[in-house]
Protein backbone atom coordinates (compact mmCIF):
# COMPACT_ATOMS: atom_id res chain seq x y z
CA MET A 1 32.73 22.78 -16.33
CA ILE A 2 31.86 22.82 -12.63
CA SER A 3 28.15 23.30 -13.34
CA HIS A 4 28.21 20.35 -15.78
CA ARG A 5 29.75 18.12 -13.10
CA PHE A 6 27.28 19.41 -10.52
CA ASN A 7 24.33 18.65 -12.85
CA ARG A 8 25.71 15.17 -13.50
CA LEU A 9 26.10 14.57 -9.76
CA GLN A 10 22.51 15.74 -9.19
CA THR A 11 21.28 13.33 -11.88
CA ILE A 12 23.17 10.41 -10.33
CA THR A 13 21.91 11.32 -6.86
CA SER A 14 18.33 11.56 -8.15
CA ARG A 15 18.59 8.15 -9.83
CA CYS A 16 20.01 6.57 -6.67
CA GLN A 17 17.18 8.08 -4.64
CA ILE A 18 14.62 6.68 -7.09
CA CYS A 19 16.27 3.24 -6.90
CA LEU A 20 16.10 3.42 -3.10
CA TYR A 21 12.41 4.32 -3.28
CA LEU A 22 11.77 1.44 -5.67
CA LEU A 23 13.49 -1.01 -3.33
CA LEU A 24 11.62 0.32 -0.29
CA ALA A 25 8.29 0.09 -2.14
CA LEU A 26 9.15 -3.49 -3.11
CA LEU A 27 9.98 -4.25 0.52
CA SER A 28 6.67 -2.71 1.61
CA GLY A 29 4.86 -4.97 -0.82
CA ALA A 30 6.82 -7.98 0.39
CA LEU A 31 5.75 -7.24 3.96
CA LEU A 32 2.01 -7.29 3.14
CA PRO A 33 1.64 -11.08 2.91
CA ILE A 34 3.67 -11.45 6.09
CA GLN A 35 1.47 -8.92 7.91
CA ALA A 36 -1.70 -10.51 6.56
CA SER A 37 -0.50 -13.97 7.59
CA PHE A 38 0.31 -12.73 11.10
CA ASN A 39 -3.19 -11.24 11.33
CA ALA A 40 -4.80 -14.44 10.01
CA GLN A 41 -2.95 -16.50 12.63
CA LEU A 42 -4.01 -14.05 15.34
CA ALA A 43 -7.63 -14.32 14.15
CA ARG A 44 -7.46 -18.13 14.25
CA SER A 45 -5.96 -18.03 17.74
CA LEU A 46 -8.61 -15.62 19.00
CA ASP A 47 -11.42 -17.09 16.87
CA SER A 48 -12.30 -13.52 15.86
CA VAL A 49 -11.35 -11.62 12.71
CA PRO A 50 -12.56 -8.21 14.00
CA LEU A 51 -10.65 -8.60 17.28
CA ALA A 52 -7.48 -9.54 15.41
CA ALA A 53 -7.90 -6.50 13.15
CA ASP A 54 -8.48 -4.27 16.20
CA ILE A 55 -5.34 -5.57 17.87
CA SER A 56 -3.35 -5.08 14.66
CA TYR A 57 -4.57 -1.49 14.37
CA SER A 58 -3.95 -0.81 18.06
CA VAL A 59 -0.35 -2.00 17.85
CA GLY A 60 0.17 0.05 14.70
CA THR A 61 -1.39 3.10 16.34
CA ALA A 62 0.90 2.75 19.36
CA ILE A 63 3.95 2.62 17.06
CA LEU A 64 2.83 5.67 15.08
CA VAL A 65 1.99 7.71 18.19
CA THR A 66 5.42 6.86 19.59
CA LEU A 67 7.03 8.07 16.34
CA LEU A 68 5.06 11.33 16.51
CA LEU A 69 6.01 11.91 20.14
CA THR A 70 9.72 11.47 19.45
CA GLY A 71 9.62 14.32 16.93
CA LYS A 72 12.14 12.47 14.74
CA VAL A 73 9.74 12.28 11.78
CA GLY A 74 9.07 15.99 11.56
CA HIS A 75 6.58 18.23 13.27
CA PRO A 76 3.09 17.95 11.80
CA ASP A 77 0.92 21.00 11.29
CA TRP A 78 -1.97 19.97 13.53
CA SER A 79 -3.86 23.18 12.70
CA ALA A 80 -4.18 22.00 9.08
CA LEU A 81 -6.31 19.04 10.19
CA GLY A 82 -9.45 21.17 10.20
CA LYS A 83 -8.73 22.32 6.64
CA THR A 84 -8.27 18.88 5.10
CA PRO A 85 -11.06 17.51 2.92
CA ALA A 86 -13.38 15.25 4.92
CA TRP A 87 -13.00 12.47 2.36
CA SER A 88 -9.27 12.27 3.08
CA LEU A 89 -10.06 10.88 6.53
CA MET A 90 -11.66 7.81 4.92
CA GLY A 91 -8.22 6.20 4.63
CA GLY A 92 -8.65 4.73 8.10
CA VAL A 93 -11.99 3.18 7.15
CA LEU A 94 -10.49 1.65 4.03
CA GLY A 95 -7.47 0.47 6.02
CA ALA A 96 -9.77 -1.24 8.51
CA TRP A 97 -11.56 -2.92 5.60
CA TYR A 98 -8.26 -4.11 4.14
CA ILE A 99 -6.93 -5.48 7.43
CA THR A 100 -10.20 -7.23 8.30
CA SER A 101 -10.89 -8.65 4.84
CA SER A 102 -7.35 -9.87 4.20
CA THR A 103 -7.26 -11.45 7.66
CA HIS A 104 -10.38 -13.41 6.80
CA PHE A 105 -9.66 -14.22 3.15
CA ILE A 106 -6.18 -15.59 3.80
CA SER A 107 -7.73 -18.27 5.97
CA VAL A 108 -10.18 -19.14 3.17
CA LEU A 109 -8.30 -18.49 -0.09
CA GLY A 110 -4.67 -18.70 1.03
CA THR A 111 -2.00 -16.03 1.07
CA THR A 112 -1.01 -16.12 -2.61
CA LEU A 113 -4.49 -15.84 -4.12
CA THR A 114 -5.65 -13.28 -1.56
CA LEU A 115 -2.64 -11.04 -2.08
CA GLY A 116 -2.76 -11.61 -5.86
CA LEU A 117 -6.31 -10.29 -5.83
CA VAL A 118 -5.32 -7.41 -3.52
CA VAL A 119 -2.39 -6.40 -5.75
CA SER A 120 -4.56 -6.66 -8.88
CA GLY A 121 -7.27 -4.56 -7.27
CA GLN A 122 -4.67 -2.00 -6.19
CA ALA A 123 -3.14 -1.82 -9.66
CA ILE A 124 -6.48 -1.49 -11.45
CA ALA A 125 -7.75 1.15 -9.01
CA GLY A 126 -4.39 2.94 -9.26
CA ILE A 127 -4.48 2.94 -13.05
CA LEU A 128 -8.02 4.39 -13.03
CA THR A 129 -7.14 6.95 -10.36
CA ASP A 130 -4.07 8.03 -12.33
CA HIS A 131 -5.91 8.10 -15.66
CA PHE A 132 -8.71 10.34 -14.43
CA GLY A 133 -6.63 12.26 -11.86
CA TRP A 134 -9.06 11.36 -9.08
CA LEU A 135 -8.41 12.35 -5.47
CA ASN A 136 -6.05 15.17 -6.47
CA VAL A 137 -3.31 12.90 -7.85
CA PRO A 138 -1.28 13.81 -10.93
CA GLN A 139 -2.95 12.56 -14.09
CA HIS A 140 -1.20 9.73 -15.99
CA ARG A 141 -3.09 8.54 -19.05
CA LEU A 142 -4.01 4.90 -19.63
CA THR A 143 -1.41 3.76 -22.14
CA PRO A 144 -1.29 0.53 -24.15
CA HIS A 145 1.45 -0.68 -21.78
CA ARG A 146 -0.82 -0.15 -18.77
CA ARG A 147 -3.69 -1.94 -20.52
CA PHE A 148 -1.36 -4.84 -21.22
CA ALA A 149 -0.29 -4.89 -17.56
CA VAL A 150 -3.95 -5.15 -16.47
CA GLY A 151 -4.41 -8.02 -18.90
CA LEU A 152 -1.40 -9.79 -17.38
CA LEU A 153 -2.84 -9.28 -13.90
CA ILE A 154 -6.11 -10.88 -15.00
CA VAL A 155 -4.23 -13.83 -16.52
CA ALA A 156 -2.18 -14.19 -13.31
CA ILE A 157 -5.33 -14.24 -11.18
CA PHE A 158 -6.85 -16.86 -13.48
CA PHE A 159 -3.84 -19.13 -12.95
CA LEU A 160 -3.61 -18.45 -9.22
CA ALA A 161 -7.28 -19.36 -8.80
CA GLN A 162 -6.90 -22.77 -10.45
CA PRO A 163 -7.31 -25.73 -8.12
CA ARG A 164 -4.17 -27.58 -7.16
């Protein structure tokens, strides 16, 4: 009886945690157009996309270093850095590309179309990465539902790209 209640409580707790993660992921996505718009405005003010991207990265780096120094987000295993695959360090390069390109494209294409294309690109790359299990991620096959979702993304981009 007690173990049944404990298992039920664990299930409820797990579902609540998943719901929290879903909401936080949604919030993270909602912050991207705001961040990109801030960066685009900074680039217009400075008349320089690369400088705006550099400033954005510098501010972000300062925040992350501060978090590391407080020790409140765990204690990283710095010795493992030498053992990580070299390709895993490319995240910073791709992040710089994202920040710089979105900063520029928002000024040209607008926030909605730029981020629509970004989200579509993320979803398509994510589906392929999951399907093939690239980059050491768990493999999740390409299902008819996922194919349909890609089709909907393409339709959405078509409509977003239409002139006013």
